[in-house]
Amino acid sequence: MNVKYSLVGERIAAKRKQLSLTQAELAERADLTSKYISKIESSKNRSLSIKSVLQLCRALSVSPSFLLLGVNDDDETSCYVDVAQKLKLCDEKQLRQVSKFIDAIITD
């Protein structure tokens, strides 16, 4: 798993602003320092402890996968459900075509 810390900082800043929090308020919620939050958001901090990630996730009400990778678990799950429901409507010939299509996509 490759974590791009600049994107992590951007996601933290965006979510913080969406919640109308200052860096100091987020720091207080996450039991971190505002200086540490500033360093993360400006990509000056290139490492995050698991504890810090979990504290930030709790304070921002986001999942670790969203914070670190930008993956929203709810979106991913609903996407799988949507595809599975559509596949149930396919006959065997259509399923083979879908399978070939997926193979073509993932091998590119």
N, C-alpha and C. Protein backbone atom coordinates (compact mmCIF):
# COMPACT_ATOMS: atom_id res chain seq x y z
N MET A 1 0.85 -1.17 0.00
CA MET A 1 0.00 0.00 0.00
C MET A 1 0.89 1.23 0.00
N ASN A 2 0.77 2.05 -1.03
CA ASN A 2 1.52 3.29 -1.11
C ASN A 2 0.65 4.44 -0.66
N VAL A 3 1.07 5.08 0.42
CA VAL A 3 0.33 6.21 0.95
C VAL A 3 0.99 7.49 0.45
N LYS A 4 0.21 8.35 -0.17
CA LYS A 4 0.71 9.65 -0.62
C LYS A 4 0.34 10.65 0.46
N TYR A 5 1.33 11.04 1.25
CA TYR A 5 1.08 11.88 2.40
C TYR A 5 0.52 13.25 2.04
N SER A 6 0.87 13.75 0.85
CA SER A 6 0.32 15.04 0.43
C SER A 6 -1.20 14.93 0.26
N LEU A 7 -1.65 13.79 -0.27
CA LEU A 7 -3.09 13.58 -0.44
C LEU A 7 -3.79 13.35 0.90
N VAL A 8 -3.10 12.68 1.82
CA VAL A 8 -3.65 12.49 3.16
C VAL A 8 -3.88 13.86 3.80
N GLY A 9 -2.89 14.73 3.70
CA GLY A 9 -3.02 16.07 4.24
C GLY A 9 -4.15 16.85 3.60
N GLU A 10 -4.29 16.70 2.29
CA GLU A 10 -5.38 17.39 1.58
C GLU A 10 -6.75 16.87 2.05
N ARG A 11 -6.86 15.55 2.23
CA ARG A 11 -8.13 14.98 2.69
C ARG A 11 -8.47 15.44 4.10
N ILE A 12 -7.46 15.50 4.96
CA ILE A 12 -7.68 15.96 6.34
C ILE A 12 -8.14 17.42 6.32
N ALA A 13 -7.45 18.26 5.56
CA ALA A 13 -7.81 19.67 5.50
C ALA A 13 -9.21 19.86 4.93
N ALA A 14 -9.53 19.13 3.87
CA ALA A 14 -10.85 19.26 3.24
C ALA A 14 -11.96 18.84 4.20
N LYS A 15 -11.76 17.72 4.87
CA LYS A 15 -12.79 17.23 5.81
C LYS A 15 -12.90 18.17 7.00
N ARG A 16 -11.79 18.66 7.48
CA ARG A 16 -11.79 19.61 8.60
C ARG A 16 -12.59 20.85 8.23
N LYS A 17 -12.35 21.37 7.03
CA LYS A 17 -13.06 22.57 6.58
C LYS A 17 -14.54 22.28 6.36
N GLN A 18 -14.84 21.09 5.84
CA GLN A 18 -16.24 20.69 5.65
C GLN A 18 -16.98 20.69 6.99
N LEU A 19 -16.27 20.31 8.04
CA LEU A 19 -16.86 20.28 9.38
C LEU A 19 -16.76 21.64 10.09
N SER A 20 -16.22 22.63 9.39
CA SER A 20 -16.05 24.00 9.92
C SER A 20 -15.20 24.01 11.20
N LEU A 21 -14.11 23.24 11.15
CA LEU A 21 -13.18 23.19 12.28
C LEU A 21 -11.90 23.92 11.95
N THR A 22 -11.31 24.55 12.94
CA THR A 22 -9.97 25.10 12.79
C THR A 22 -8.98 23.96 13.05
N GLN A 23 -7.72 24.20 12.72
CA GLN A 23 -6.71 23.19 13.02
C GLN A 23 -6.64 22.95 14.52
N ALA A 24 -6.78 24.02 15.30
CA ALA A 24 -6.73 23.89 16.77
C ALA A 24 -7.90 23.05 17.29
N GLU A 25 -9.07 23.25 16.72
CA GLU A 25 -10.24 22.47 17.14
C GLU A 25 -10.09 21.00 16.78
N LEU A 26 -9.58 20.74 15.58
CA LEU A 26 -9.34 19.35 15.19
C LEU A 26 -8.30 18.72 16.10
N ALA A 27 -7.24 19.46 16.37
CA ALA A 27 -6.19 18.96 17.26
C ALA A 27 -6.77 18.58 18.62
N GLU A 28 -7.63 19.42 19.14
CA GLU A 28 -8.24 19.14 20.44
C GLU A 28 -9.12 17.90 20.38
N ARG A 29 -9.92 17.78 19.33
CA ARG A 29 -10.78 16.61 19.17
C ARG A 29 -9.98 15.32 19.04
N ALA A 30 -8.83 15.41 18.35
CA ALA A 30 -8.01 14.23 18.08
C ALA A 30 -6.94 14.00 19.13
N ASP A 31 -6.86 14.88 20.12
CA ASP A 31 -5.84 14.79 21.16
C ASP A 31 -4.43 14.83 20.56
N LEU A 32 -4.26 15.77 19.62
CA LEU A 32 -2.97 16.02 18.98
C LEU A 32 -2.68 17.51 19.11
N THR A 33 -1.53 17.94 18.64
CA THR A 33 -1.22 19.37 18.69
C THR A 33 -1.62 20.04 17.37
N SER A 34 -1.92 21.32 17.43
CA SER A 34 -2.28 22.05 16.20
C SER A 34 -1.06 22.14 15.28
N LYS A 35 0.14 22.17 15.85
CA LYS A 35 1.37 22.18 15.04
C LYS A 35 1.48 20.89 14.23
N TYR A 36 1.14 19.77 14.86
CA TYR A 36 1.18 18.45 14.18
C TYR A 36 0.14 18.43 13.05
N ILE A 37 -1.06 18.93 13.30
CA ILE A 37 -2.10 18.99 12.27
C ILE A 37 -1.61 19.85 11.11
N SER A 38 -1.02 20.98 11.41
CA SER A 38 -0.50 21.86 10.37
C SER A 38 0.55 21.16 9.52
N LYS A 39 1.45 20.43 10.16
CA LYS A 39 2.50 19.71 9.42
C LYS A 39 1.90 18.63 8.52
N ILE A 40 0.88 17.93 9.01
CA ILE A 40 0.25 16.88 8.20
C ILE A 40 -0.43 17.51 6.99
N GLU A 41 -1.20 18.57 7.24
CA GLU A 41 -1.95 19.20 6.15
C GLU A 41 -1.04 19.84 5.11
N SER A 42 0.12 20.30 5.52
CA SER A 42 1.05 20.93 4.57
C SER A 42 2.08 19.95 4.02
N SER A 43 1.89 18.67 4.30
CA SER A 43 2.76 17.59 3.80
C SER A 43 4.19 17.67 4.32
N LYS A 44 4.39 18.34 5.45
CA LYS A 44 5.73 18.40 6.05
C LYS A 44 5.99 17.19 6.94
N ASN A 45 4.95 16.47 7.26
CA ASN A 45 5.10 15.25 8.06
C ASN A 45 4.92 14.06 7.14
N ARG A 46 5.94 13.26 6.98
CA ARG A 46 5.91 12.13 6.05
C ARG A 46 5.62 10.79 6.72
N SER A 47 5.21 10.83 7.97
CA SER A 47 4.86 9.58 8.64
C SER A 47 3.75 9.84 9.65
N LEU A 48 2.84 8.91 9.72
CA LEU A 48 1.75 8.98 10.68
C LEU A 48 1.71 7.66 11.44
N SER A 49 1.59 7.75 12.74
CA SER A 49 1.46 6.52 13.51
C SER A 49 0.04 6.00 13.36
N ILE A 50 -0.13 4.73 13.60
CA ILE A 50 -1.46 4.14 13.56
C ILE A 50 -2.36 4.84 14.57
N LYS A 51 -1.82 5.14 15.73
CA LYS A 51 -2.59 5.83 16.76
C LYS A 51 -3.07 7.19 16.27
N SER A 52 -2.21 7.95 15.63
CA SER A 52 -2.59 9.27 15.12
C SER A 52 -3.65 9.15 14.03
N VAL A 53 -3.49 8.18 13.15
CA VAL A 53 -4.49 7.96 12.09
C VAL A 53 -5.85 7.68 12.71
N LEU A 54 -5.88 6.78 13.69
CA LEU A 54 -7.15 6.43 14.33
C LEU A 54 -7.76 7.62 15.08
N GLN A 55 -6.92 8.42 15.71
CA GLN A 55 -7.42 9.60 16.41
C GLN A 55 -8.02 10.60 15.43
N LEU A 56 -7.35 10.80 14.30
CA LEU A 56 -7.87 11.70 13.28
C LEU A 56 -9.16 11.16 12.66
N CYS A 57 -9.20 9.87 12.41
CA CYS A 57 -10.41 9.26 11.86
C CYS A 57 -11.59 9.46 12.79
N ARG A 58 -11.37 9.23 14.05
CA ARG A 58 -12.44 9.40 15.03
C ARG A 58 -12.89 10.87 15.08
N ALA A 59 -11.94 11.78 15.09
CA ALA A 59 -12.25 13.21 15.18
C ALA A 59 -12.97 13.73 13.93
N LEU A 60 -12.66 13.16 12.78
CA LEU A 60 -13.26 13.60 11.52
C LEU A 60 -14.43 12.72 11.06
N SER A 61 -14.68 11.63 11.78
CA SER A 61 -15.74 10.67 11.43
C SER A 61 -15.54 10.10 10.03
N VAL A 62 -14.32 9.64 9.77
CA VAL A 62 -14.00 8.99 8.49
C VAL A 62 -13.29 7.67 8.79
N SER A 63 -13.22 6.82 7.79
CA SER A 63 -12.53 5.54 7.94
C SER A 63 -11.04 5.70 7.64
N PRO A 64 -10.21 4.80 8.17
CA PRO A 64 -8.79 4.84 7.83
C PRO A 64 -8.55 4.69 6.33
N SER A 65 -9.36 3.87 5.66
CA SER A 65 -9.15 3.71 4.21
C SER A 65 -9.44 5.00 3.47
N PHE A 66 -10.40 5.78 3.94
CA PHE A 66 -10.65 7.08 3.31
C PHE A 66 -9.48 8.02 3.58
N LEU A 67 -9.07 8.08 4.84
CA LEU A 67 -8.01 9.02 5.21
C LEU A 67 -6.71 8.72 4.48
N LEU A 68 -6.32 7.46 4.45
CA LEU A 68 -5.03 7.08 3.87
C LEU A 68 -5.06 6.90 2.36
N LEU A 69 -6.17 6.37 1.84
CA LEU A 69 -6.21 6.02 0.42
C LEU A 69 -7.27 6.75 -0.39
N GLY A 70 -8.14 7.48 0.29
CA GLY A 70 -9.21 8.17 -0.42
C GLY A 70 -10.35 7.28 -0.83
N VAL A 71 -10.42 6.08 -0.25
CA VAL A 71 -11.47 5.12 -0.58
C VAL A 71 -12.57 5.23 0.44
N ASN A 72 -13.75 5.56 -0.03
CA ASN A 72 -14.91 5.63 0.86
C ASN A 72 -15.53 4.24 0.91
N ASP A 73 -15.51 3.62 2.06
CA ASP A 73 -16.01 2.25 2.21
C ASP A 73 -17.45 2.11 1.77
N ASP A 74 -18.28 3.09 2.07
CA ASP A 74 -19.69 3.02 1.68
C ASP A 74 -19.83 3.02 0.17
N ASP A 75 -19.07 3.87 -0.53
CA ASP A 75 -19.13 3.93 -1.98
C ASP A 75 -18.68 2.62 -2.60
N GLU A 76 -17.60 2.05 -2.05
CA GLU A 76 -17.07 0.80 -2.58
C GLU A 76 -18.07 -0.33 -2.41
N THR A 77 -18.67 -0.42 -1.24
CA THR A 77 -19.63 -1.48 -0.97
C THR A 77 -20.85 -1.34 -1.88
N SER A 78 -21.37 -0.13 -2.01
CA SER A 78 -22.56 0.06 -2.84
C SER A 78 -22.26 -0.24 -4.30
N CYS A 79 -21.04 0.01 -4.73
CA CYS A 79 -20.64 -0.30 -6.10
C CYS A 79 -20.65 -1.80 -6.35
N TYR A 80 -20.10 -2.57 -5.40
CA TYR A 80 -20.11 -4.03 -5.52
C TYR A 80 -21.54 -4.58 -5.55
N VAL A 81 -22.37 -4.04 -4.69
CA VAL A 81 -23.77 -4.48 -4.63
C VAL A 81 -24.46 -4.18 -5.95
N ASP A 82 -24.24 -2.99 -6.49
CA ASP A 82 -24.85 -2.59 -7.76
C ASP A 82 -24.43 -3.53 -8.88
N VAL A 83 -23.14 -3.82 -8.98
CA VAL A 83 -22.64 -4.70 -10.03
C VAL A 83 -23.20 -6.12 -9.84
N ALA A 84 -23.21 -6.60 -8.61
CA ALA A 84 -23.72 -7.95 -8.34
C ALA A 84 -25.19 -8.07 -8.74
N GLN A 85 -25.97 -7.04 -8.45
CA GLN A 85 -27.39 -7.07 -8.82
C GLN A 85 -27.56 -7.10 -10.33
N LYS A 86 -26.75 -6.36 -11.04
CA LYS A 86 -26.83 -6.36 -12.50
C LYS A 86 -26.40 -7.69 -13.08
N LEU A 87 -25.39 -8.31 -12.48
CA LEU A 87 -24.93 -9.61 -12.97
C LEU A 87 -25.99 -10.69 -12.82
N LYS A 88 -26.81 -10.58 -11.81
CA LYS A 88 -27.88 -11.56 -11.58
C LYS A 88 -28.90 -11.54 -12.71
N LEU A 89 -28.98 -10.43 -13.44
CA LEU A 89 -29.93 -10.30 -14.54
C LEU A 89 -29.39 -10.85 -15.86
N CYS A 90 -28.12 -11.21 -15.88
CA CYS A 90 -27.47 -11.67 -17.11
C CYS A 90 -27.66 -13.17 -17.31
N ASP A 91 -27.75 -13.56 -18.59
CA ASP A 91 -27.75 -14.99 -18.89
C ASP A 91 -26.29 -15.45 -19.00
N GLU A 92 -26.09 -16.72 -19.25
CA GLU A 92 -24.72 -17.26 -19.26
C GLU A 92 -23.85 -16.63 -20.34
N LYS A 93 -24.41 -16.40 -21.51
CA LYS A 93 -23.64 -15.78 -22.60
C LYS A 93 -23.21 -14.36 -22.21
N GLN A 94 -24.10 -13.61 -21.62
CA GLN A 94 -23.78 -12.25 -21.20
C GLN A 94 -22.72 -12.26 -20.10
N LEU A 95 -22.82 -13.22 -19.17
CA LEU A 95 -21.82 -13.33 -18.11
C LEU A 95 -20.43 -13.60 -18.67
N ARG A 96 -20.35 -14.45 -19.71
CA ARG A 96 -19.05 -14.72 -20.34
C ARG A 96 -18.50 -13.43 -20.98
N GLN A 97 -19.38 -12.65 -21.61
CA GLN A 97 -18.96 -11.39 -22.22
C GLN A 97 -18.46 -10.41 -21.15
N VAL A 98 -19.18 -10.34 -20.05
CA VAL A 98 -18.78 -9.46 -18.96
C VAL A 98 -17.43 -9.89 -18.41
N SER A 99 -17.25 -11.20 -18.26
CA SER A 99 -15.99 -11.72 -17.75
C SER A 99 -14.83 -11.35 -18.67
N LYS A 100 -15.02 -11.48 -19.97
CA LYS A 100 -13.99 -11.11 -20.93
C LYS A 100 -13.70 -9.61 -20.87
N PHE A 101 -14.75 -8.83 -20.73
CA PHE A 101 -14.58 -7.38 -20.62
C PHE A 101 -13.77 -7.01 -19.39
N ILE A 102 -14.09 -7.62 -18.27
CA ILE A 102 -13.35 -7.36 -17.03
C ILE A 102 -11.88 -7.77 -17.19
N ASP A 103 -11.66 -8.94 -17.79
CA ASP A 103 -10.29 -9.38 -18.04
C ASP A 103 -9.53 -8.35 -18.88
N ALA A 104 -10.18 -7.81 -19.89
CA ALA A 104 -9.53 -6.81 -20.74
C ALA A 104 -9.20 -5.54 -19.96
N ILE A 105 -10.09 -5.15 -19.08
CA ILE A 105 -9.87 -3.93 -18.29
C ILE A 105 -8.71 -4.10 -17.31
N ILE A 106 -8.68 -5.22 -16.61
CA ILE A 106 -7.67 -5.37 -15.55
C ILE A 106 -6.30 -5.75 -16.08
N THR A 107 -6.21 -6.16 -17.32
CA THR A 107 -4.90 -6.51 -17.87
C THR A 107 -4.25 -5.33 -18.58
N ASP A 108 -4.99 -4.24 -18.77
CA ASP A 108 -4.41 -3.05 -19.43
C ASP A 108 -3.46 -2.33 -18.55
